[in-house]
Amino acid sequence: MEHSPVPTESNTIPSSTSVQPLDDKTFDRHLRSATVPVLVEFTAPWCAPCRALEPILHELARESAGRWSIAKIDGDQHPELATRFGIRGFPTLLLFAGGREVARQLGLTSKKKLLELLGG
């Protein structure tokens, strides 16, 4: 039986193909440095619709091919960011382009709807 290698810096998934966890220290820096649109999910561990959305977001991240970036913020752990963007429920997805919010999606949604939001 073949075992998967232990993750190391050289064999982990590149950040452009994974969902990036952000916090109050990394959020603004991530948006400022982004050269592609960034879809940010405000989520919480107890949120069942958030858990249902997670595989869709990971799939979108893997398929991005440098066209967009996917990130997530735990709204319970970082309530100041949730308040700053008027987040009243989870999941809430915000699309940023050029560092500014350009679209918002509330609640669980489909991959097709997210692709439309991303313009892909």
PDB file of N, CA and C in Angstrom:
ATOM      1  N   MET A   1       0.844  -1.173   0.000  1.00  0.00           N
ATOM      2  CA  MET A   1       0.000   0.000   0.000  1.00  0.00           C
ATOM      3  C   MET A   1       0.888   1.235   0.000  1.00  0.00           C
ATOM      4  N   GLU A   2       0.610   2.144  -0.901  1.00  0.00           N
ATOM      5  CA  GLU A   2       1.405   3.357  -1.033  1.00  0.00           C
ATOM      6  C   GLU A   2       0.828   4.454  -0.139  1.00  0.00           C
ATOM      7  N   HIS A   3       1.689   5.141   0.562  1.00  0.00           N
ATOM      8  CA  HIS A   3       1.257   6.221   1.452  1.00  0.00           C
ATOM      9  C   HIS A   3       1.508   7.565   0.794  1.00  0.00           C
ATOM     10  N   SER A   4       0.644   8.516   1.086  1.00  0.00           N
ATOM     11  CA  SER A   4       0.851   9.879   0.597  1.00  0.00           C
ATOM     12  C   SER A   4       2.042  10.474   1.312  1.00  0.00           C
ATOM     13  N   PRO A   5       2.805  11.301   0.624  1.00  0.00           N
ATOM     14  CA  PRO A   5       3.946  11.930   1.279  1.00  0.00           C
ATOM     15  C   PRO A   5       3.480  12.917   2.340  1.00  0.00           C
ATOM     16  N   VAL A   6       4.310  13.112   3.333  1.00  0.00           N
ATOM     17  CA  VAL A   6       4.034  14.110   4.351  1.00  0.00           C
ATOM     18  C   VAL A   6       4.116  15.480   3.691  1.00  0.00           C
ATOM     19  N   PRO A   7       3.111  16.348   3.914  1.00  0.00           N
ATOM     20  CA  PRO A   7       3.167  17.663   3.277  1.00  0.00           C
ATOM     21  C   PRO A   7       4.398  18.449   3.716  1.00  0.00           C
ATOM     22  N   THR A   8       5.090  19.002   2.755  1.00  0.00           N
ATOM     23  CA  THR A   8       6.221  19.878   3.015  1.00  0.00           C
ATOM     24  C   THR A   8       6.010  21.123   2.177  1.00  0.00           C
ATOM     25  N   GLU A   9       6.849  22.100   2.385  1.00  0.00           N
ATOM     26  CA  GLU A   9       6.723  23.337   1.613  1.00  0.00           C
ATOM     27  C   GLU A   9       6.805  23.080   0.120  1.00  0.00           C
ATOM     28  N   SER A  10       7.566  22.069  -0.288  1.00  0.00           N
ATOM     29  CA  SER A  10       7.749  21.829  -1.714  1.00  0.00           C
ATOM     30  C   SER A  10       6.624  21.018  -2.355  1.00  0.00           C
ATOM     31  N   ASN A  11       5.786  20.306  -1.549  1.00  0.00           N
ATOM     32  CA  ASN A  11       4.743  19.509  -2.176  1.00  0.00           C
ATOM     33  C   ASN A  11       3.331  19.895  -1.752  1.00  0.00           C
ATOM     34  N   THR A  12       3.161  21.019  -1.084  1.00  0.00           N
ATOM     35  CA  THR A  12       1.818  21.471  -0.741  1.00  0.00           C
ATOM     36  C   THR A  12       1.204  22.173  -1.941  1.00  0.00           C
ATOM     37  N   ILE A  13      -0.111  22.281  -1.929  1.00  0.00           N
ATOM     38  CA  ILE A  13      -0.815  22.933  -3.031  1.00  0.00           C
ATOM     39  C   ILE A  13      -0.471  24.414  -3.037  1.00  0.00           C
ATOM     40  N   PRO A  14      -0.125  25.001  -4.180  1.00  0.00           N
ATOM     41  CA  PRO A  14       0.190  26.429  -4.236  1.00  0.00           C
ATOM     42  C   PRO A  14      -1.007  27.260  -3.804  1.00  0.00           C
ATOM     43  N   SER A  15      -0.736  28.418  -3.238  1.00  0.00           N
ATOM     44  CA  SER A  15      -1.804  29.254  -2.689  1.00  0.00           C
ATOM     45  C   SER A  15      -2.838  29.640  -3.737  1.00  0.00           C
ATOM     46  N   SER A  16      -2.464  29.735  -4.998  1.00  0.00           N
ATOM     47  CA  SER A  16      -3.413  30.137  -6.028  1.00  0.00           C
ATOM     48  C   SER A  16      -4.432  29.051  -6.328  1.00  0.00           C
ATOM     49  N   THR A  17      -4.181  27.823  -5.880  1.00  0.00           N
ATOM     50  CA  THR A  17      -5.112  26.731  -6.158  1.00  0.00           C
ATOM     51  C   THR A  17      -5.758  26.196  -4.889  1.00  0.00           C
ATOM     52  N   SER A  18      -5.694  26.942  -3.802  1.00  0.00           N
ATOM     53  CA  SER A  18      -6.329  26.527  -2.562  1.00  0.00           C
ATOM     54  C   SER A  18      -7.093  27.707  -1.962  1.00  0.00           C
ATOM     55  N   VAL A  19      -8.011  27.396  -1.076  1.00  0.00           N
ATOM     56  CA  VAL A  19      -8.767  28.430  -0.374  1.00  0.00           C
ATOM     57  C   VAL A  19      -7.869  28.971   0.738  1.00  0.00           C
ATOM     58  N   GLN A  20      -7.622  30.277   0.703  1.00  0.00           N
ATOM     59  CA  GLN A  20      -6.706  30.902   1.646  1.00  0.00           C
ATOM     60  C   GLN A  20      -7.441  31.404   2.881  1.00  0.00           C
ATOM     61  N   PRO A  21      -7.089  30.910   4.072  1.00  0.00           N
ATOM     62  CA  PRO A  21      -7.688  31.477   5.279  1.00  0.00           C
ATOM     63  C   PRO A  21      -7.083  32.854   5.550  1.00  0.00           C
ATOM     64  N   LEU A  22      -7.936  33.817   5.823  1.00  0.00           N
ATOM     65  CA  LEU A  22      -7.483  35.176   6.129  1.00  0.00           C
ATOM     66  C   LEU A  22      -7.942  35.549   7.533  1.00  0.00           C
ATOM     67  N   ASP A  23      -7.311  36.570   8.091  1.00  0.00           N
ATOM     68  CA  ASP A  23      -7.718  37.091   9.390  1.00  0.00           C
ATOM     69  C   ASP A  23      -7.583  38.611   9.362  1.00  0.00           C
ATOM     70  N   ASP A  24      -7.801  39.236  10.501  1.00  0.00           N
ATOM     71  CA  ASP A  24      -7.762  40.696  10.542  1.00  0.00           C
ATOM     72  C   ASP A  24      -6.381  41.252  10.232  1.00  0.00           C
ATOM     73  N   LYS A  25      -5.331  40.447  10.361  1.00  0.00           N
ATOM     74  CA  LYS A  25      -3.974  40.916  10.062  1.00  0.00           C
ATOM     75  C   LYS A  25      -3.611  40.743   8.591  1.00  0.00           C
ATOM     76  N   THR A  26      -4.199  39.759   7.919  1.00  0.00           N
ATOM     77  CA  THR A  26      -3.802  39.452   6.542  1.00  0.00           C
ATOM     78  C   THR A  26      -4.812  39.907   5.491  1.00  0.00           C
ATOM     79  N   PHE A  27      -6.023  40.231   5.895  1.00  0.00           N
ATOM     80  CA  PHE A  27      -7.090  40.531   4.946  1.00  0.00           C
ATOM     81  C   PHE A  27      -6.746  41.686   4.006  1.00  0.00           C
ATOM     82  N   ASP A  28      -6.458  42.857   4.548  1.00  0.00           N
ATOM     83  CA  ASP A  28      -6.192  44.037   3.705  1.00  0.00           C
ATOM     84  C   ASP A  28      -4.960  43.836   2.826  1.00  0.00           C
ATOM     85  N   ARG A  29      -3.930  43.228   3.383  1.00  0.00           N
ATOM     86  CA  ARG A  29      -2.704  42.976   2.620  1.00  0.00           C
ATOM     87  C   ARG A  29      -3.001  42.029   1.441  1.00  0.00           C
ATOM     88  N   HIS A  30      -3.811  41.002   1.695  1.00  0.00           N
ATOM     89  CA  HIS A  30      -4.160  40.053   0.640  1.00  0.00           C
ATOM     90  C   HIS A  30      -4.914  40.758  -0.491  1.00  0.00           C
ATOM     91  N   LEU A  31      -5.867  41.596  -0.147  1.00  0.00           N
ATOM     92  CA  LEU A  31      -6.633  42.305  -1.185  1.00  0.00           C
ATOM     93  C   LEU A  31      -5.763  43.293  -1.952  1.00  0.00           C
ATOM     94  N   ARG A  32      -4.895  44.009  -1.243  1.00  0.00           N
ATOM     95  CA  ARG A  32      -4.020  44.990  -1.908  1.00  0.00           C
ATOM     96  C   ARG A  32      -3.062  44.323  -2.880  1.00  0.00           C
ATOM     97  N   SER A  33      -2.590  43.125  -2.530  1.00  0.00           N
ATOM     98  CA  SER A  33      -1.592  42.468  -3.375  1.00  0.00           C
ATOM     99  C   SER A  33      -2.213  41.619  -4.481  1.00  0.00           C
ATOM    100  N   ALA A  34      -3.521  41.441  -4.458  1.00  0.00           N
ATOM    101  CA  ALA A  34      -4.180  40.583  -5.445  1.00  0.00           C
ATOM    102  C   ALA A  34      -4.170  41.225  -6.827  1.00  0.00           C
ATOM    103  N   THR A  35      -3.809  40.435  -7.815  1.00  0.00           N
ATOM    104  CA  THR A  35      -3.810  40.909  -9.201  1.00  0.00           C
ATOM    105  C   THR A  35      -5.009  40.349  -9.969  1.00  0.00           C
ATOM    106  N   VAL A  36      -5.823  39.546  -9.271  1.00  0.00           N
ATOM    107  CA  VAL A  36      -7.034  38.947  -9.841  1.00  0.00           C
ATOM    108  C   VAL A  36      -8.176  39.181  -8.855  1.00  0.00           C
ATOM    109  N   PRO A  37      -9.422  39.034  -9.291  1.00  0.00           N
ATOM    110  CA  PRO A  37     -10.541  39.152  -8.344  1.00  0.00           C
ATOM    111  C   PRO A  37     -10.400  38.133  -7.208  1.00  0.00           C
ATOM    112  N   VAL A  38     -10.859  38.524  -6.018  1.00  0.00           N
ATOM    113  CA  VAL A  38     -10.786  37.672  -4.837  1.00  0.00           C
ATOM    114  C   VAL A  38     -12.204  37.448  -4.315  1.00  0.00           C
ATOM    115  N   LEU A  39     -12.605  36.182  -4.232  1.00  0.00           N
ATOM    116  CA  LEU A  39     -13.891  35.813  -3.654  1.00  0.00           C
ATOM    117  C   LEU A  39     -13.634  35.411  -2.211  1.00  0.00           C
ATOM    118  N   VAL A  40     -14.255  36.132  -1.272  1.00  0.00           N
ATOM    119  CA  VAL A  40     -14.031  35.896   0.153  1.00  0.00           C
ATOM    120  C   VAL A  40     -15.315  35.369   0.782  1.00  0.00           C
ATOM    121  N   GLU A  41     -15.215  34.205   1.413  1.00  0.00           N
ATOM    122  CA  GLU A  41     -16.353  33.652   2.139  1.00  0.00           C
ATOM    123  C   GLU A  41     -16.222  33.990   3.614  1.00  0.00           C
ATOM    124  N   PHE A  42     -17.258  34.614   4.176  1.00  0.00           N
ATOM    125  CA  PHE A  42     -17.360  34.773   5.617  1.00  0.00           C
ATOM    126  C   PHE A  42     -18.102  33.543   6.111  1.00  0.00           C
ATOM    127  N   THR A  43     -17.489  32.797   7.007  1.00  0.00           N
ATOM    128  CA  THR A  43     -17.959  31.481   7.399  1.00  0.00           C
ATOM    129  C   THR A  43     -17.859  31.308   8.908  1.00  0.00           C
ATOM    130  N   ALA A  44     -18.349  30.172   9.393  1.00  0.00           N
ATOM    131  CA  ALA A  44     -18.217  29.786  10.798  1.00  0.00           C
ATOM    132  C   ALA A  44     -18.230  28.263  10.870  1.00  0.00           C
ATOM    133  N   PRO A  45     -17.493  27.680  11.808  1.00  0.00           N
ATOM    134  CA  PRO A  45     -17.403  26.221  11.889  1.00  0.00           C
ATOM    135  C   PRO A  45     -18.751  25.538  12.147  1.00  0.00           C
ATOM    136  N   TRP A  46     -19.649  26.196  12.840  1.00  0.00           N
ATOM    137  CA  TRP A  46     -20.943  25.610  13.190  1.00  0.00           C
ATOM    138  C   TRP A  46     -21.974  25.719  12.068  1.00  0.00           C
ATOM    139  N   CYS A  47     -21.645  26.407  10.994  1.00  0.00           N
ATOM    140  CA  CYS A  47     -22.585  26.734   9.914  1.00  0.00           C
ATOM    141  C   CYS A  47     -22.678  25.589   8.902  1.00  0.00           C
ATOM    142  N   ALA A  48     -23.826  24.888   8.894  1.00  0.00           N
ATOM    143  CA  ALA A  48     -24.015  23.763   7.966  1.00  0.00           C
ATOM    144  C   ALA A  48     -23.973  24.202   6.497  1.00  0.00           C
ATOM    145  N   PRO A  49     -24.633  25.307   6.094  1.00  0.00           N
ATOM    146  CA  PRO A  49     -24.516  25.738   4.698  1.00  0.00           C
ATOM    147  C   PRO A  49     -23.078  26.086   4.307  1.00  0.00           C
ATOM    148  N   CYS A  50     -22.297  26.595   5.250  1.00  0.00           N
ATOM    149  CA  CYS A  50     -20.880  26.895   4.979  1.00  0.00           C
ATOM    150  C   CYS A  50     -20.115  25.609   4.682  1.00  0.00           C
ATOM    151  N   ARG A  51     -20.388  24.569   5.473  1.00  0.00           N
ATOM    152  CA  ARG A  51     -19.723  23.283   5.245  1.00  0.00           C
ATOM    153  C   ARG A  51     -20.127  22.699   3.893  1.00  0.00           C
ATOM    154  N   ALA A  52     -21.377  22.908   3.493  1.00  0.00           N
ATOM    155  CA  ALA A  52     -21.837  22.422   2.188  1.00  0.00           C
ATOM    156  C   ALA A  52     -21.173  23.192   1.047  1.00  0.00           C
ATOM    157  N   LEU A  53     -20.850  24.451   1.265  1.00  0.00           N
ATOM    158  CA  LEU A  53     -20.229  25.296   0.251  1.00  0.00           C
ATOM    159  C   LEU A  53     -18.730  25.026   0.108  1.00  0.00           C
ATOM    160  N   GLU A  54     -18.117  24.509   1.152  1.00  0.00           N
ATOM    161  CA  GLU A  54     -16.664  24.322   1.179  1.00  0.00           C
ATOM    162  C   GLU A  54     -16.108  23.536  -0.009  1.00  0.00           C
ATOM    163  N   PRO A  55     -16.680  22.374  -0.373  1.00  0.00           N
ATOM    164  CA  PRO A  55     -16.111  21.652  -1.529  1.00  0.00           C
ATOM    165  C   PRO A  55     -16.237  22.423  -2.837  1.00  0.00           C
ATOM    166  N   ILE A  56     -17.282  23.217  -2.973  1.00  0.00           N
ATOM    167  CA  ILE A  56     -17.458  24.033  -4.180  1.00  0.00           C
ATOM    168  C   ILE A  56     -16.345  25.079  -4.257  1.00  0.00           C
ATOM    169  N   LEU A  57     -16.053  25.728  -3.139  1.00  0.00           N
ATOM    170  CA  LEU A  57     -15.002  26.750  -3.122  1.00  0.00           C
ATOM    171  C   LEU A  57     -13.634  26.140  -3.396  1.00  0.00           C
ATOM    172  N   HIS A  58     -13.377  24.959  -2.840  1.00  0.00           N
ATOM    173  CA  HIS A  58     -12.090  24.291  -3.110  1.00  0.00           C
ATOM    174  C   HIS A  58     -11.982  23.913  -4.592  1.00  0.00           C
ATOM    175  N   GLU A  59     -13.077  23.473  -5.179  1.00  0.00           N
ATOM    176  CA  GLU A  59     -13.085  23.136  -6.603  1.00  0.00           C
ATOM    177  C   GLU A  59     -12.821  24.383  -7.446  1.00  0.00           C
ATOM    178  N   LEU A  60     -13.466  25.499  -7.106  1.00  0.00           N
ATOM    179  CA  LEU A  60     -13.235  26.755  -7.832  1.00  0.00           C
ATOM    180  C   LEU A  60     -11.786  27.207  -7.701  1.00  0.00           C
ATOM    181  N   ALA A  61     -11.217  27.046  -6.519  1.00  0.00           N
ATOM    182  CA  ALA A  61      -9.811  27.432  -6.316  1.00  0.00           C
ATOM    183  C   ALA A  61      -8.896  26.594  -7.205  1.00  0.00           C
ATOM    184  N   ARG A  62      -9.148  25.281  -7.260  1.00  0.00           N
ATOM    185  CA  ARG A  62      -8.320  24.401  -8.098  1.00  0.00           C
ATOM    186  C   ARG A  62      -8.467  24.738  -9.580  1.00  0.00           C
ATOM    187  N   GLU A  63      -9.647  25.175  -9.987  1.00  0.00           N
ATOM    188  CA  GLU A  63      -9.916  25.454 -11.401  1.00  0.00           C
ATOM    189  C   GLU A  63      -9.609  26.898 -11.805  1.00  0.00           C
ATOM    190  N   SER A  64      -9.112  27.689 -10.899  1.00  0.00           N
ATOM    191  CA  SER A  64      -8.974  29.127 -11.148  1.00  0.00           C
ATOM    192  C   SER A  64      -8.016  29.474 -12.277  1.00  0.00           C
ATOM    193  N   ALA A  65      -6.953  28.701 -12.449  1.00  0.00           N
ATOM    194  CA  ALA A  65      -5.951  28.950 -13.495  1.00  0.00           C
ATOM    195  C   ALA A  65      -5.496  30.411 -13.501  1.00  0.00           C
ATOM    196  N   GLY A  66      -5.358  30.990 -12.316  1.00  0.00           N
ATOM    197  CA  GLY A  66      -4.884  32.361 -12.210  1.00  0.00           C
ATOM    198  C   GLY A  66      -5.909  33.425 -12.536  1.00  0.00           C
ATOM    199  N   ARG A  67      -7.171  33.035 -12.737  1.00  0.00           N
ATOM    200  CA  ARG A  67      -8.215  34.018 -13.076  1.00  0.00           C
ATOM    201  C   ARG A  67      -8.843  34.661 -11.849  1.00  0.00           C
ATOM    202  N   TRP A  68      -8.802  33.970 -10.710  1.00  0.00           N
ATOM    203  CA  TRP A  68      -9.351  34.499  -9.471  1.00  0.00           C
ATOM    204  C   TRP A  68      -8.690  33.802  -8.297  1.00  0.00           C
ATOM    205  N   SER A  69      -8.953  34.312  -7.113  1.00  0.00           N
ATOM    206  CA  SER A  69      -8.436  33.755  -5.870  1.00  0.00           C
ATOM    207  C   SER A  69      -9.623  33.552  -4.934  1.00  0.00           C
ATOM    208  N   ILE A  70      -9.572  32.502  -4.121  1.00  0.00           N
ATOM    209  CA  ILE A  70     -10.631  32.202  -3.167  1.00  0.00           C
ATOM    210  C   ILE A  70     -10.042  32.276  -1.763  1.00  0.00           C
ATOM    211  N   ALA A  71     -10.752  32.962  -0.867  1.00  0.00           N
ATOM    212  CA  ALA A  71     -10.293  33.095   0.517  1.00  0.00           C
ATOM    213  C   ALA A  71     -11.480  32.925   1.450  1.00  0.00           C
ATOM    214  N   LYS A  72     -11.178  32.698   2.727  1.00  0.00           N
ATOM    215  CA  LYS A  72     -12.247  32.583   3.714  1.00  0.00           C
ATOM    216  C   LYS A  72     -11.828  33.244   5.012  1.00  0.00           C
ATOM    217  N   ILE A  73     -12.841  33.712   5.735  1.00  0.00           N
ATOM    218  CA  ILE A  73     -12.632  34.351   7.027  1.00  0.00           C
ATOM    219  C   ILE A  73     -13.618  33.727   8.000  1.00  0.00           C
ATOM    220  N   ASP A  74     -13.133  33.280   9.133  1.00  0.00           N
ATOM    221  CA  ASP A  74     -14.007  32.793  10.197  1.00  0.00           C
ATOM    222  C   ASP A  74     -14.594  34.022  10.889  1.00  0.00           C
ATOM    223  N   GLY A  75     -15.869  34.279  10.627  1.00  0.00           N
ATOM    224  CA  GLY A  75     -16.527  35.470  11.163  1.00  0.00           C
ATOM    225  C   GLY A  75     -16.662  35.465  12.668  1.00  0.00           C
ATOM    226  N   ASP A  76     -16.691  34.279  13.289  1.00  0.00           N
ATOM    227  CA  ASP A  76     -16.737  34.203  14.749  1.00  0.00           C
ATOM    228  C   ASP A  76     -15.390  34.567  15.348  1.00  0.00           C
ATOM    229  N   GLN A  77     -14.312  34.140  14.695  1.00  0.00           N
ATOM    230  CA  GLN A  77     -12.962  34.424  15.191  1.00  0.00           C
ATOM    231  C   GLN A  77     -12.531  35.866  14.897  1.00  0.00           C
ATOM    232  N   HIS A  78     -13.119  36.462  13.850  1.00  0.00           N
ATOM    233  CA  HIS A  78     -12.731  37.812  13.426  1.00  0.00           C
ATOM    234  C   HIS A  78     -13.974  38.686  13.227  1.00  0.00           C
ATOM    235  N   PRO A  79     -14.695  38.947  14.323  1.00  0.00           N
ATOM    236  CA  PRO A  79     -15.950  39.695  14.208  1.00  0.00           C
ATOM    237  C   PRO A  79     -15.770  41.131  13.720  1.00  0.00           C
ATOM    238  N   GLU A  80     -14.582  41.706  13.906  1.00  0.00           N
ATOM    239  CA  GLU A  80     -14.353  43.074  13.442  1.00  0.00           C
ATOM    240  C   GLU A  80     -14.443  43.151  11.918  1.00  0.00           C
ATOM    241  N   LEU A  81     -13.967  42.129  11.224  1.00  0.00           N
ATOM    242  CA  LEU A  81     -14.087  42.120   9.759  1.00  0.00           C
ATOM    243  C   LEU A  81     -15.540  41.905   9.338  1.00  0.00           C
ATOM    244  N   ALA A  82     -16.239  41.016  10.026  1.00  0.00           N
ATOM    245  CA  ALA A  82     -17.653  40.781   9.717  1.00  0.00           C
ATOM    246  C   ALA A  82     -18.453  42.070   9.916  1.00  0.00           C
ATOM    247  N   THR A  83     -18.179  42.785  10.975  1.00  0.00           N
ATOM    248  CA  THR A  83     -18.871  44.058  11.248  1.00  0.00           C
ATOM    249  C   THR A  83     -18.511  45.094  10.196  1.00  0.00           C
ATOM    250  N   ARG A  84     -17.250  45.187   9.855  1.00  0.00           N
ATOM    251  CA  ARG A  84     -16.774  46.158   8.850  1.00  0.00           C
ATOM    252  C   ARG A  84     -17.520  46.017   7.523  1.00  0.00           C
ATOM    253  N   PHE A  85     -17.872  44.769   7.153  1.00  0.00           N
ATOM    254  CA  PHE A  85     -18.552  44.543   5.880  1.00  0.00           C
ATOM    255  C   PHE A  85     -20.049  44.271   6.033  1.00  0.00           C
ATOM    256  N   GLY A  86     -20.568  44.502   7.232  1.00  0.00           N
ATOM    257  CA  GLY A  86     -22.003  44.362   7.443  1.00  0.00           C
ATOM    258  C   GLY A  86     -22.515  42.938   7.274  1.00  0.00           C
ATOM    259  N   ILE A  87     -21.693  41.970   7.652  1.00  0.00           N
ATOM    260  CA  ILE A  87     -22.076  40.564   7.534  1.00  0.00           C
ATOM    261  C   ILE A  87     -23.068  40.247   8.647  1.00  0.00           C
ATOM    262  N   ARG A  88     -24.242  39.767   8.246  1.00  0.00           N
ATOM    263  CA  ARG A  88     -25.292  39.450   9.223  1.00  0.00           C
ATOM    264  C   ARG A  88     -25.605  37.969   9.290  1.00  0.00           C
ATOM    265  N   GLY A  89     -25.050  37.183   8.397  1.00  0.00           N
ATOM    266  CA  GLY A  89     -25.286  35.749   8.400  1.00  0.00           C
ATOM    267  C   GLY A  89     -24.214  35.041   7.598  1.00  0.00           C
ATOM    268  N   PHE A  90     -24.085  33.750   7.856  1.00  0.00           N
ATOM    269  CA  PHE A  90     -23.092  32.926   7.164  1.00  0.00           C
ATOM    270  C   PHE A  90     -23.809  31.861   6.351  1.00  0.00           C
ATOM    271  N   PRO A  91     -23.295  31.490   5.209  1.00  0.00           N
ATOM    272  CA  PRO A  91     -22.155  32.100   4.532  1.00  0.00           C
ATOM    273  C   PRO A  91     -22.568  33.376   3.790  1.00  0.00           C
ATOM    274  N   THR A  92     -21.656  34.314   3.758  1.00  0.00           N
ATOM    275  CA  THR A  92     -21.765  35.486   2.900  1.00  0.00           C
ATOM    276  C   THR A  92     -20.482  35.546   2.096  1.00  0.00           C
ATOM    277  N   LEU A  93     -20.637  35.681   0.787  1.00  0.00           N
ATOM    278  CA  LEU A  93     -19.485  35.741  -0.110  1.00  0.00           C
ATOM    279  C   LEU A  93     -19.378  37.144  -0.690  1.00  0.00           C
ATOM    280  N   LEU A  94     -18.191  37.720  -0.609  1.00  0.00           N
ATOM    281  CA  LEU A  94     -17.929  39.040  -1.176  1.00  0.00           C
ATOM    282  C   LEU A  94     -16.897  38.883  -2.285  1.00  0.00           C
ATOM    283  N   LEU A  95     -17.150  39.508  -3.410  1.00  0.00           N
ATOM    284  CA  LEU A  95     -16.188  39.505  -4.511  1.00  0.00           C
ATOM    285  C   LEU A  95     -15.507  40.861  -4.546  1.00  0.00           C
ATOM    286  N   PHE A  96     -14.177  40.845  -4.508  1.00  0.00           N
ATOM    287  CA  PHE A  96     -13.374  42.065  -4.548  1.00  0.00           C
ATOM    288  C   PHE A  96     -12.584  42.104  -5.845  1.00  0.00           C
ATOM    289  N   ALA A  97     -12.512  43.270  -6.446  1.00  0.00           N
ATOM    290  CA  ALA A  97     -11.676  43.511  -7.621  1.00  0.00           C
ATOM    291  C   ALA A  97     -11.018  44.864  -7.412  1.00  0.00           C
ATOM    292  N   GLY A  98      -9.728  44.922  -7.604  1.00  0.00           N
ATOM    293  CA  GLY A  98      -9.011  46.169  -7.365  1.00  0.00           C
ATOM    294  C   GLY A  98      -9.126  46.636  -5.923  1.00  0.00           C
ATOM    295  N   GLY A  99      -9.289  45.688  -4.991  1.00  0.00           N
ATOM    296  CA  GLY A  99      -9.375  46.026  -3.574  1.00  0.00           C
ATOM    297  C   GLY A  99     -10.734  46.496  -3.106  1.00  0.00           C
ATOM    298  N   ARG A 100     -11.721  46.555  -4.006  1.00  0.00           N
ATOM    299  CA  ARG A 100     -13.057  47.047  -3.643  1.00  0.00           C
ATOM    300  C   ARG A 100     -14.103  45.955  -3.831  1.00  0.00           C
ATOM    301  N   GLU A 101     -15.119  45.964  -2.965  1.00  0.00           N
ATOM    302  CA  GLU A 101     -16.210  45.012  -3.102  1.00  0.00           C
ATOM    303  C   GLU A 101     -17.011  45.352  -4.359  1.00  0.00           C
ATOM    304  N   VAL A 102     -17.217  44.336  -5.218  1.00  0.00           N
ATOM    305  CA  VAL A 102     -17.959  44.551  -6.459  1.00  0.00           C
ATOM    306  C   VAL A 102     -19.218  43.693  -6.545  1.00  0.00           C
ATOM    307  N   ALA A 103     -19.322  42.675  -5.671  1.00  0.00           N
ATOM    308  CA  ALA A 103     -20.520  41.824  -5.676  1.00  0.00           C
ATOM    309  C   ALA A 103     -20.616  41.108  -4.336  1.00  0.00           C
ATOM    310  N   ARG A 104     -21.841  40.651  -4.038  1.00  0.00           N
ATOM    311  CA  ARG A 104     -22.118  39.970  -2.780  1.00  0.00           C
ATOM    312  C   ARG A 104     -23.139  38.873  -3.019  1.00  0.00           C
ATOM    313  N   GLN A 105     -22.920  37.727  -2.399  1.00  0.00           N
ATOM    314  CA  GLN A 105     -23.845  36.593  -2.485  1.00  0.00           C
ATOM    315  C   GLN A 105     -24.134  36.121  -1.062  1.00  0.00           C
ATOM    316  N   LEU A 106     -25.407  36.092  -0.708  1.00  0.00           N
ATOM    317  CA  LEU A 106     -25.793  35.653   0.629  1.00  0.00           C
ATOM    318  C   LEU A 106     -26.271  34.209   0.581  1.00  0.00           C
ATOM    319  N   GLY A 107     -25.819  33.402   1.519  1.00  0.00           N
ATOM    320  CA  GLY A 107     -26.306  32.043   1.662  1.00  0.00           C
ATOM    321  C   GLY A 107     -25.658  31.048   0.721  1.00  0.00           C
ATOM    322  N   LEU A 108     -26.079  29.800   0.893  1.00  0.00           N
ATOM    323  CA  LEU A 108     -25.581  28.703   0.074  1.00  0.00           C
ATOM    324  C   LEU A 108     -25.987  28.918  -1.375  1.00  0.00           C
ATOM    325  N   THR A 109     -25.073  28.629  -2.287  1.00  0.00           N
ATOM    326  CA  THR A 109     -25.343  28.813  -3.706  1.00  0.00           C
ATOM    327  C   THR A 109     -24.638  27.717  -4.498  1.00  0.00           C
ATOM    328  N   SER A 110     -24.857  27.701  -5.777  1.00  0.00           N
ATOM    329  CA  SER A 110     -24.285  26.670  -6.641  1.00  0.00           C
ATOM    330  C   SER A 110     -22.956  27.125  -7.242  1.00  0.00           C
ATOM    331  N   LYS A 111     -22.213  26.143  -7.743  1.00  0.00           N
ATOM    332  CA  LYS A 111     -20.974  26.439  -8.446  1.00  0.00           C
ATOM    333  C   LYS A 111     -21.269  27.295  -9.678  1.00  0.00           C
ATOM    334  N   LYS A 112     -22.352  26.966 -10.389  1.00  0.00           N
ATOM    335  CA  LYS A 112     -22.723  27.730 -11.586  1.00  0.00           C
ATOM    336  C   LYS A 112     -22.939  29.201 -11.245  1.00  0.00           C
ATOM    337  N   LYS A 113     -23.641  29.482 -10.163  1.00  0.00           N
ATOM    338  CA  LYS A 113     -23.917  30.863  -9.750  1.00  0.00           C
ATOM    339  C   LYS A 113     -22.608  31.579  -9.381  1.00  0.00           C
ATOM    340  N   LEU A 114     -21.716  30.875  -8.702  1.00  0.00           N
ATOM    341  CA  LEU A 114     -20.433  31.485  -8.339  1.00  0.00           C
ATOM    342  C   LEU A 114     -19.570  31.753  -9.570  1.00  0.00           C
ATOM    343  N   LEU A 115     -19.597  30.852 -10.531  1.00  0.00           N
ATOM    344  CA  LEU A 115     -18.863  31.092 -11.771  1.00  0.00           C
ATOM    345  C   LEU A 115     -19.405  32.326 -12.489  1.00  0.00           C
ATOM    346  N   GLU A 116     -20.717  32.504 -12.480  1.00  0.00           N
ATOM    347  CA  GLU A 116     -21.309  33.701 -13.084  1.00  0.00           C
ATOM    348  C   GLU A 116     -20.843  34.954 -12.345  1.00  0.00           C
ATOM    349  N   LEU A 117     -20.812  34.872 -11.017  1.00  0.00           N
ATOM    350  CA  LEU A 117     -20.357  35.989 -10.203  1.00  0.00           C
ATOM    351  C   LEU A 117     -18.899  36.339 -10.522  1.00  0.00           C
ATOM    352  N   LEU A 118     -18.082  35.296 -10.714  1.00  0.00           N
ATOM    353  CA  LEU A 118     -16.661  35.488 -11.015  1.00  0.00           C
ATOM    354  C   LEU A 118     -16.394  35.860 -12.471  1.00  0.00           C
ATOM    355  N   GLY A 119     -17.415  35.772 -13.294  1.00  0.00           N
ATOM    356  CA  GLY A 119     -17.236  36.083 -14.710  1.00  0.00           C
ATOM    357  C   GLY A 119     -16.549  34.962 -15.464  1.00  0.00           C
ATOM    358  N   GLY A 120     -16.569  33.750 -14.892  1.00  0.00           N
ATOM    359  CA  GLY A 120     -15.900  32.624 -15.542  1.00  0.00           C
ATOM    360  C   GLY A 120     -16.891  31.657 -16.008  1.00  0.00           C
TER     361      GLY A 120
END
